[in-house]
Protein backbone atom coordinates (compact mmCIF):
# COMPACT_ATOMS: atom_id res chain seq x y z
CA MET A 1 119.95 126.22 57.56
CA ALA A 2 116.42 127.33 58.36
CA LYS A 3 114.14 128.34 55.52
CA GLN A 4 113.73 132.13 55.30
CA THR A 5 110.18 133.34 54.75
CA ALA A 6 110.08 136.89 56.09
CA GLN A 7 111.87 138.75 53.31
CA THR A 8 110.52 139.26 49.78
CA ILE A 9 111.89 140.74 46.58
CA THR A 10 110.06 141.85 43.43
CA VAL A 11 111.50 140.61 40.13
CA SER A 12 110.17 141.79 36.76
CA SER A 13 111.37 140.75 33.32
CA GLU A 14 110.38 140.61 29.67
CA LEU A 15 110.07 137.04 28.47
CA PRO A 16 109.87 135.56 24.96
CA ILE A 17 106.82 133.60 23.83
CA SER A 18 108.11 130.10 23.10
CA TYR A 19 104.95 128.16 22.18
CA THR A 20 101.41 129.04 21.06
CA PRO A 21 99.47 125.75 20.95
CA ASP A 22 95.73 125.35 21.03
CA VAL A 23 96.00 123.24 24.17
CA VAL A 24 98.74 122.95 26.77
CA VAL A 25 98.80 120.08 29.25
CA VAL A 26 100.91 120.45 32.38
CA GLY A 27 101.94 117.15 33.94
CA GLY A 28 102.80 113.92 32.14
CA GLY A 29 101.28 111.35 34.48
CA ALA A 30 98.34 109.13 33.56
CA SER A 31 95.85 112.00 33.28
CA GLY A 32 98.27 114.19 31.32
CA VAL A 33 99.25 111.46 28.87
CA ALA A 34 95.60 110.68 28.13
CA ALA A 35 94.67 114.36 27.94
CA ALA A 36 97.44 115.16 25.45
CA MET A 37 96.62 112.15 23.28
CA ALA A 38 92.90 112.91 23.29
CA ALA A 39 93.35 116.60 22.49
CA ALA A 40 95.75 115.88 19.64
CA ARG A 41 93.67 113.02 18.20
CA ASN A 42 90.67 115.33 18.15
CA GLY A 43 92.55 117.87 16.09
CA ALA A 44 94.08 120.34 18.57
CA ASP A 45 97.67 121.55 18.36
CA THR A 46 98.79 120.19 21.73
CA LEU A 47 101.86 120.67 23.93
CA LEU A 48 102.54 118.37 26.90
CA ILE A 49 104.88 119.80 29.56
CA GLU A 50 106.58 117.43 32.03
CA GLN A 51 109.11 118.23 34.75
CA ARG A 52 111.09 114.98 34.33
CA GLY A 53 112.72 113.38 31.31
CA TYR A 54 109.98 110.77 30.87
CA LEU A 55 106.21 110.40 31.19
CA GLY A 56 104.21 108.34 33.64
CA GLY A 57 103.98 110.27 36.90
CA MET A 58 103.61 108.04 39.95
CA GLY A 59 103.74 104.91 37.77
CA THR A 60 107.29 105.64 36.61
CA ALA A 61 108.77 108.37 38.80
CA ALA A 62 107.54 106.82 42.04
CA LEU A 63 107.70 103.17 40.88
CA VAL A 64 104.14 102.35 41.91
CA PRO A 65 104.41 98.62 41.15
CA ALA A 66 101.03 97.89 39.58
CA PHE A 67 98.04 99.50 37.93
CA CYS A 68 94.96 99.55 40.13
CA PRO A 69 91.89 97.75 38.76
CA TYR A 70 90.42 98.63 35.39
CA SER A 71 87.30 96.57 36.09
CA ASP A 72 84.32 96.57 38.42
CA GLY A 73 84.94 92.89 39.10
CA GLU A 74 82.90 91.80 36.12
CA LYS A 75 83.86 93.95 33.14
CA PRO A 76 86.35 96.68 32.20
CA ILE A 77 84.94 100.10 32.97
CA ILE A 78 88.16 102.01 32.21
CA ARG A 79 88.47 101.64 28.46
CA GLY A 80 89.51 103.95 25.64
CA ILE A 81 93.01 105.41 25.88
CA GLY A 82 93.69 103.98 29.33
CA LEU A 83 92.97 100.38 28.35
CA ASP A 84 94.81 100.79 25.04
CA LEU A 85 97.94 101.93 26.90
CA LEU A 86 97.74 99.00 29.32
CA ASN A 87 97.55 96.57 26.42
CA GLU A 88 100.38 98.34 24.58
CA MET A 89 102.61 97.94 27.66
CA LYS A 90 101.73 94.23 27.95
CA GLN A 91 102.71 93.59 24.34
CA ALA A 92 105.87 95.72 24.42
CA ALA A 93 107.13 94.08 27.64
CA GLY A 94 107.95 90.82 25.85
CA ASP A 95 106.39 87.45 25.16
CA ALA A 96 106.68 86.06 28.70
CA PHE A 97 105.11 89.15 30.31
CA HIS A 98 102.36 89.30 27.72
CA GLU A 99 101.53 85.63 28.09
CA ARG A 100 101.31 85.92 31.87
CA TYR A 101 99.18 89.08 32.01
CA LYS A 102 97.40 89.34 28.64
CA GLU A 103 93.95 88.58 30.07
CA GLN A 104 94.43 90.39 33.38
CA LEU A 105 92.67 93.74 33.96
CA ASP A 106 93.32 94.35 37.64
CA TRP A 107 96.64 94.84 39.44
CA VAL A 108 98.75 94.37 36.30
CA PRO A 109 102.43 94.92 37.20
CA ILE A 110 104.10 97.98 35.69
CA ASP A 111 107.20 97.34 33.60
CA VAL A 112 108.58 100.84 34.15
CA GLU A 113 111.09 101.14 31.31
CA THR A 114 108.68 99.62 28.83
CA LEU A 115 105.91 101.95 29.97
CA LYS A 116 108.13 105.00 29.48
CA ARG A 117 108.74 104.01 25.85
CA VAL A 118 105.07 103.23 25.25
CA TYR A 119 104.03 106.64 26.56
CA ASP A 120 106.63 108.42 24.41
CA GLN A 121 105.54 106.57 21.30
CA GLN A 122 101.79 106.86 21.82
CA VAL A 123 101.84 110.56 22.69
CA LEU A 124 104.04 111.43 19.73
CA GLU A 125 101.97 109.28 17.35
CA SER A 126 98.85 111.15 18.49
CA GLY A 127 100.40 114.34 17.14
CA ALA A 128 101.05 116.01 20.47
CA LYS A 129 104.42 117.60 21.22
CA ILE A 130 106.37 116.81 24.40
CA LEU A 131 108.59 119.24 26.34
CA PHE A 132 110.57 117.49 29.08
CA HIS A 133 112.63 118.97 31.92
CA THR A 134 110.26 121.91 32.19
CA VAL A 135 108.11 123.38 34.96
CA ALA A 136 105.32 125.97 34.84
CA ASP A 137 106.00 128.36 37.72
CA GLN A 138 103.68 131.30 37.03
CA VAL A 139 100.19 131.76 35.60
CA LEU A 140 99.30 134.95 33.71
CA LEU A 141 95.68 135.99 34.10
CA GLU A 142 93.21 138.22 32.24
CA GLY A 143 89.91 138.27 34.08
CA ASP A 144 88.61 134.73 34.40
CA ARG A 145 90.96 133.44 31.71
CA ILE A 146 94.54 132.23 31.78
CA SER A 147 96.47 134.19 29.17
CA GLY A 148 99.77 132.37 29.50
CA LEU A 149 102.14 130.20 31.52
CA VAL A 150 105.68 131.10 32.47
CA ILE A 151 107.81 128.02 32.04
CA SER A 152 111.39 127.40 33.19
CA ASN A 153 113.93 124.94 31.82
CA LYS A 154 117.55 124.73 30.63
CA SER A 155 116.68 127.06 27.76
CA GLY A 156 115.66 129.77 30.24
CA ARG A 157 112.29 131.25 31.10
CA SER A 158 109.61 131.88 28.50
CA VAL A 159 105.84 132.10 28.06
CA VAL A 160 103.46 129.53 26.61
CA GLN A 161 100.25 131.07 25.30
CA ALA A 162 97.43 128.63 24.59
CA LYS A 163 93.68 128.79 24.12
CA LEU A 164 92.95 126.09 26.70
CA TYR A 165 94.91 124.83 29.72
CA ILE A 166 94.78 121.37 31.29
CA ASP A 167 96.11 120.95 34.81
CA ALA A 168 97.26 117.33 35.02
CA SER A 169 99.93 118.04 37.65
CA GLY A 170 98.30 115.74 40.22
CA ASP A 171 98.54 118.52 42.78
CA ALA A 172 96.39 121.18 41.08
CA ASP A 173 99.53 123.29 40.70
CA LEU A 174 98.18 125.42 37.86
CA ALA A 175 94.85 125.90 39.58
CA ALA A 176 96.56 126.97 42.79
CA LEU A 177 98.82 129.41 40.91
CA ALA A 178 95.72 130.81 39.21
CA GLY A 179 94.04 131.45 42.57
CA VAL A 180 91.47 128.63 42.46
CA PRO A 181 90.26 127.75 45.96
CA PHE A 182 91.11 124.27 47.19
CA GLN A 183 91.07 121.98 50.18
CA THR A 184 93.89 119.82 51.49
CA GLY A 185 93.62 116.65 53.57
CA GLY A 186 91.17 115.94 56.37
CA VAL A 187 89.43 118.17 58.89
CA ASN A 188 92.61 118.40 60.97
CA GLY A 189 94.88 118.79 57.95
CA GLU A 190 95.95 115.14 58.03
CA LEU A 191 97.17 113.68 54.76
CA GLN A 192 97.59 110.17 53.51
CA PRO A 193 101.23 109.10 53.93
CA GLY A 194 103.74 108.73 51.14
CA THR A 195 105.45 105.49 50.12
CA MET A 196 108.90 105.05 48.62
CA CYS A 197 108.35 102.14 46.23
CA TYR A 198 111.19 100.05 44.85
CA LEU A 199 112.25 97.20 42.62
CA VAL A 200 114.35 94.16 43.59
CA THR A 201 115.99 91.37 41.64
CA GLY A 202 117.23 87.96 42.75
CA ALA A 203 113.84 86.89 44.15
CA ASP A 204 112.31 83.42 43.80
CA LYS A 205 108.56 83.64 43.20
CA ALA A 206 107.89 79.91 43.50
CA ARG A 207 109.66 79.72 46.85
CA PHE A 208 107.78 82.83 48.08
CA ASP A 209 104.42 81.40 46.98
CA GLN A 210 105.19 78.14 48.78
CA PHE A 211 106.09 80.02 51.98
CA CYS A 212 102.82 81.96 51.96
CA GLN A 213 100.83 78.78 51.42
CA GLU A 214 102.66 76.82 54.12
CA SER A 215 102.52 79.67 56.64
CA GLY A 216 98.82 80.22 56.04
CA GLN A 217 99.02 83.90 55.23
CA SER A 218 98.24 86.18 52.31
CA LYS A 219 100.91 87.45 49.98
CA GLN A 220 100.72 90.71 51.88
CA LEU A 221 102.69 88.89 54.61
CA ASP A 222 100.42 89.96 57.47
CA LYS A 223 101.68 87.34 59.92
CA THR A 224 105.34 87.82 59.13
CA ILE A 225 105.18 91.59 59.36
CA VAL A 226 103.51 91.46 62.77
CA GLU A 227 106.26 89.14 63.94
CA ALA A 228 109.00 91.44 62.65
CA GLN A 229 107.36 94.49 64.22
CA GLN A 230 107.15 92.70 67.57
CA ASN A 231 110.84 91.79 67.27
CA GLY A 232 111.82 95.37 66.45
CA ASP A 233 112.94 94.54 62.89
CA LEU A 234 110.24 96.70 61.31
CA PRO A 235 108.75 99.98 62.52
CA GLU A 236 105.15 100.22 63.68
CA GLY A 237 102.54 101.03 61.06
CA ARG A 238 100.49 99.04 58.58
CA LYS A 239 100.72 95.36 59.34
CA ARG A 240 100.95 94.11 55.78
CA VAL A 241 102.59 94.93 52.45
CA SER A 242 100.34 97.11 50.33
CA GLY A 243 101.46 95.29 47.20
CA ILE A 244 104.09 93.07 45.57
CA ALA A 245 104.02 92.98 41.76
CA TRP A 246 106.03 90.37 39.87
CA ILE A 247 107.59 91.60 36.60
CA THR A 248 109.29 88.21 36.18
CA ASP A 249 109.75 85.26 38.50
CA SER A 250 112.86 86.97 39.91
CA ILE A 251 112.04 90.71 39.69
CA ALA A 252 109.41 92.21 42.01
CA GLY A 253 108.15 95.72 42.73
CA PHE A 254 107.17 96.72 46.27
CA ASN A 255 104.59 99.16 47.62
CA PHE A 256 105.50 98.71 51.29
CA GLY A 257 105.38 100.97 54.32
CA HIS A 258 104.71 104.66 54.86
CA ILE A 259 106.42 107.96 55.47
CA PHE A 260 104.01 110.01 57.57
CA GLY A 261 103.36 113.75 57.77
CA ILE A 262 104.31 114.51 54.18
CA ASP A 263 102.78 117.37 52.16
CA GLY A 264 103.47 116.65 48.50
CA THR A 265 103.25 120.36 47.66
CA SER A 266 106.20 121.18 49.94
CA ALA A 267 109.72 120.85 48.52
CA GLU A 268 111.09 120.52 52.04
CA ASP A 269 108.69 117.68 52.85
CA LEU A 270 109.49 115.90 49.57
CA THR A 271 113.19 116.17 50.36
CA HIS A 272 112.70 114.77 53.86
CA ALA A 273 110.51 111.97 52.49
CA ALA A 274 113.08 110.97 49.87
CA ILE A 275 115.80 110.62 52.51
CA GLU A 276 113.61 108.81 55.03
CA GLY A 277 112.09 106.65 52.31
CA ARG A 278 115.48 105.32 51.26
CA LYS A 279 116.33 104.60 54.90
CA LEU A 280 113.09 102.63 55.27
CA ILE A 281 113.81 100.61 52.13
CA ASP A 282 117.11 99.51 53.66
CA VAL A 283 115.25 98.30 56.77
CA GLN A 284 112.70 96.46 54.64
CA ILE A 285 115.32 94.77 52.46
CA LYS A 286 116.99 93.41 55.60
CA PHE A 287 113.59 92.23 56.85
CA LEU A 288 112.80 90.46 53.58
CA ARG A 289 116.15 88.70 53.48
CA LYS A 290 115.84 87.58 57.09
CA TYR A 291 112.16 86.61 57.32
CA VAL A 292 110.78 85.74 53.89
CA PRO A 293 111.84 82.65 51.95
CA GLY A 294 112.29 83.53 48.30
CA PHE A 295 113.82 86.90 49.15
CA GLU A 296 117.04 85.74 50.85
CA ASN A 297 119.21 86.83 47.92
CA ILE A 298 117.43 89.93 46.68
CA HIS A 299 119.29 93.01 45.48
CA LEU A 300 117.80 96.51 45.32
CA VAL A 301 118.06 97.80 41.75
CA HIS A 302 115.85 100.90 41.75
CA SER A 303 113.98 103.13 44.19
CA GLY A 304 111.54 105.86 43.24
CA ASP A 305 112.89 109.15 41.91
CA GLN A 306 110.46 110.65 44.38
CA ILE A 307 108.21 109.34 47.10
CA GLY A 308 104.79 108.19 45.98
CA ILE A 309 102.13 110.78 46.89
CA ARG A 310 98.48 109.81 47.38
CA GLU A 311 96.85 113.09 48.34
CA THR A 312 97.43 116.85 48.17
CA ARG A 313 95.02 119.54 46.92
CA ARG A 314 91.40 119.07 45.90
CA ILE A 315 89.99 121.97 43.87
CA ALA A 316 86.69 123.71 44.49
CA GLY A 317 84.81 122.86 41.31
CA ASP A 318 81.38 123.40 39.82
CA TYR A 319 80.33 120.14 41.45
CA THR A 320 81.91 118.34 44.40
CA LEU A 321 81.66 114.57 44.19
CA VAL A 322 80.88 113.29 47.69
CA VAL A 323 80.77 109.96 49.46
CA ASP A 324 76.95 109.83 49.22
CA ASP A 325 77.35 109.82 45.43
CA PHE A 326 79.83 106.96 45.72
CA ILE A 327 77.66 104.84 48.01
CA SER A 328 74.53 105.51 45.95
CA MET A 329 76.38 104.62 42.73
CA ARG A 330 74.97 107.81 41.30
CA THR A 331 74.83 108.63 37.60
CA PHE A 332 75.00 112.23 36.34
CA GLU A 333 73.81 113.86 33.15
CA ASP A 334 77.36 115.04 32.48
CA ASP A 335 79.23 111.80 33.28
CA ILE A 336 82.56 111.53 31.53
CA ALA A 337 83.81 108.37 33.31
CA ARG A 338 82.77 105.59 35.69
CA ASN A 339 84.60 104.59 38.87
CA ALA A 340 84.49 101.31 40.79
CA TYR A 341 87.73 101.48 42.77
CA PHE A 342 87.17 101.26 46.51
CA ILE A 343 87.64 104.13 48.95
CA ASP A 344 91.24 103.56 50.02
CA ILE A 345 92.50 106.07 52.59
CA HIS A 346 95.86 105.09 54.04
CA LEU A 347 96.55 105.62 57.72
CA ALA A 348 97.70 109.15 58.61
CA ASN A 349 100.07 107.97 61.34
CA ALA A 350 101.57 104.74 62.62
CA SER A 351 98.86 104.16 65.22
CA SER A 352 95.78 104.85 63.07
CA THR A 353 93.93 102.55 60.65
CA MET A 354 93.19 102.22 56.97
CA VAL A 355 89.72 103.39 55.87
CA ILE A 356 88.17 101.21 53.16
CA LYS A 357 84.77 101.01 51.44
CA HIS A 358 83.93 98.76 48.48
CA LEU A 359 81.07 98.98 46.01
CA PRO A 360 79.21 95.77 45.10
CA LYS A 361 80.79 93.70 42.37
CA GLY A 362 79.70 94.87 38.93
CA LYS A 363 78.71 98.34 40.17
CA SER A 364 80.19 101.80 39.66
CA HIS A 365 79.34 105.47 39.97
CA GLY A 366 79.54 108.33 37.53
CA VAL A 367 82.22 111.03 37.43
CA PRO A 368 80.62 114.30 36.30
CA TYR A 369 82.40 116.71 33.97
CA ARG A 370 81.65 119.57 36.39
CA CYS A 371 84.00 118.20 39.05
CA MET A 372 86.92 118.98 36.70
CA LEU A 373 85.90 122.64 36.22
CA PRO A 374 87.65 124.92 38.76
CA GLN A 375 85.60 127.77 40.14
CA GLY A 376 86.34 131.16 38.63
CA LYS A 377 88.39 130.06 35.60
CA SER A 378 86.86 129.63 32.15
CA ASN A 379 89.69 128.10 30.09
CA LEU A 380 91.24 125.81 32.71
CA ILE A 381 90.27 122.21 33.46
CA VAL A 382 91.73 119.88 36.08
CA ALA A 383 92.12 116.14 35.50
CA GLY A 384 93.34 113.49 37.92
CA ARG A 385 93.37 113.09 41.68
CA SER A 386 92.87 116.82 42.39
CA VAL A 387 89.37 117.12 40.93
CA SER A 388 86.57 118.48 43.08
CA SER A 389 85.60 115.81 45.61
CA ASP A 390 85.41 115.22 49.31
CA ARG A 391 88.25 113.37 50.98
CA PRO A 392 86.72 109.86 50.97
CA VAL A 393 85.95 110.02 47.25
CA GLN A 394 89.45 111.35 46.54
CA GLY A 395 90.69 108.14 48.18
CA SER A 396 88.89 106.27 45.39
CA LEU A 397 89.29 108.53 42.34
CA ARG A 398 93.04 109.05 42.80
CA VAL A 399 94.31 105.89 41.04
CA MET A 400 95.84 105.76 37.57
CA PRO A 401 93.04 104.04 35.59
CA ASN A 402 90.60 106.74 36.72
CA CYS A 403 93.15 109.39 35.83
CA PHE A 404 93.36 108.03 32.29
CA ALA A 405 89.57 108.31 31.95
CA MET A 406 89.42 111.85 33.33
CA GLY A 407 92.38 112.88 31.19
CA GLN A 408 90.76 111.56 28.01
CA ALA A 409 87.63 113.56 28.80
CA ALA A 410 89.58 116.74 29.55
CA GLY A 411 91.63 116.49 26.37
CA THR A 412 88.60 115.81 24.22
CA ALA A 413 86.74 118.75 25.75
CA ALA A 414 89.78 120.99 25.19
CA ALA A 415 89.90 120.07 21.50
CA MET A 416 86.21 120.83 21.14
CA ALA A 417 86.53 124.18 22.89
CA SER A 418 89.58 125.16 20.84
CA VAL A 419 87.48 125.00 17.66
CA THR A 420 84.67 127.21 18.94
CA GLY A 421 86.86 129.62 20.88
CA ALA A 422 84.72 129.08 23.96
CA GLY A 423 85.64 128.06 27.47
CA PHE A 424 85.23 124.66 29.06
CA ARG A 425 81.77 125.43 30.42
CA GLU A 426 80.43 125.98 26.91
CA VAL A 427 81.40 122.48 25.74
CA ASN A 428 78.37 120.57 24.47
CA ILE A 429 78.08 117.68 26.93
CA PRO A 430 76.08 115.21 24.77
CA GLU A 431 78.58 115.75 21.95
CA LEU A 432 81.50 115.26 24.35
CA GLN A 433 79.95 112.02 25.61
CA ARG A 434 79.30 110.85 22.05
CA ARG A 435 82.93 111.42 21.11
CA LEU A 436 84.23 109.67 24.23
CA VAL A 437 82.09 106.61 23.57
CA GLU A 438 83.04 106.67 19.89
CA GLN A 439 86.69 106.70 20.90
CA GLY A 440 86.38 103.73 23.22
CA ALA A 441 85.41 105.12 26.63
CA TRP A 442 82.70 103.47 28.72
CA LEU A 443 80.18 105.78 30.39
CA GLY A 444 77.69 103.19 31.62
CA GLU A 445 74.83 101.44 29.89
CA ASN A 446 72.96 104.69 29.19
CA PRO A 447 75.44 107.61 29.00
CA GLY A 448 73.90 110.89 30.09
CA LYS A 449 70.67 109.25 31.23
CA VAL A 450 70.10 109.78 34.94
CA GLU A 451 68.31 106.93 36.65
CA ALA A 452 66.20 107.46 39.75
CA VAL A 453 68.28 106.45 42.75
CA THR A 454 68.07 106.94 46.45
CA VAL A 455 71.03 109.08 47.41
CA ALA A 456 72.67 107.85 50.59
CA SER A 457 72.63 110.16 53.55
CA GLY A 458 73.53 110.08 57.19
CA HIS A 459 76.28 108.00 58.77
CA ILE A 460 78.44 105.93 56.40
CA GLU A 461 79.91 102.71 57.76
CA TYR A 462 83.48 102.23 56.60
CA ASP A 463 85.60 99.13 56.91
CA GLU A 464 88.76 99.61 58.93
CA GLU A 465 91.82 97.48 58.60
CA SER A 466 92.96 96.55 62.06
CA ASN A 467 96.38 97.84 62.96
């Protein structure tokens, strides 16, 4: 049945007010968890709204198998709440997991069920309230302020009225509903593809490691995948596995393959991607059993509740972080985080290439507070992959450790603004930075002190992964 778009109907209703917190956070992924914890720890009455029955976003709902790097190759630059949560997961996952990964900062596997419990516990212990199985589907406006959110759940529809609103949806859903301008994808509308991640049991890590060593290839299986594609046992596309994360010596999570042409803000596209993603997993499981020693006896135990989404909306903010800032490793007076993750733009179709750009080891750039402030709205802040940036920088900022850092800053700013009754633009930046550092965040060697740098300009040379 084709989707009908021509007809409209006006519906009006009186709705009860269900919650009146100081701060409401919409979206319980990495940025939302950190934002809720930070707001509550800094004294704000905080409500965290999440559409599923658990927290974690792409790390739990989409089964992204590992956390991206917390370090710049030399030291942790994502600290504070984000690093605390990583360490909590390591300890809660059991002695064997903790012993294997206790010193690791980069590409730590995600133990999904453990992480869900850790998020529940840490958010509740911060003093924030959680409301699961709930979506915000309408924004009520008064001038440049949001006056309320219409939420829907099994209890019905109602209104949440808060002082401050944090959009941690990952897709800038609140900002879009509030009329904030945004951009999507590249110049031709192309978007990074989605990936249906999954978890298998029955693997043999030692046998797999031996195969990679003896076949002279990386653990991304670049030689084997090319062979299988040439034989017709895998579809064309990226010629390596994006990532395999070992929870135990027999349980592994996969970030493997792509579903192209997916807009993560379209329910129809998400539906199509879920169906096609599960089909692709079946193909990949057969490939692994046939071609890869150590995976002959694997069994699929879990696929993502939804496809993993890398890119949707990017808001128009007070400042747009651009690739020149990234390359120049620029520091801003209003930095609220540092980023060292490489520009990582996945191929838009099966015949294109990956676009990659690394910073030097030990280096990072600043993330200014202004890129989280959406144009035209005074009591709304956006945290996570939808902040104001160009497309290359979004390919770097989008990962979970960065989202923790941005979320902690957004939540702390919200708590500060809730006390004064002001909007986000009136937050005292030096005081915000002082609080973030005091509460464990790392903002560089001299937070708020801008060093003289030569800002890159002109043509940027990217690395491209051959396809």
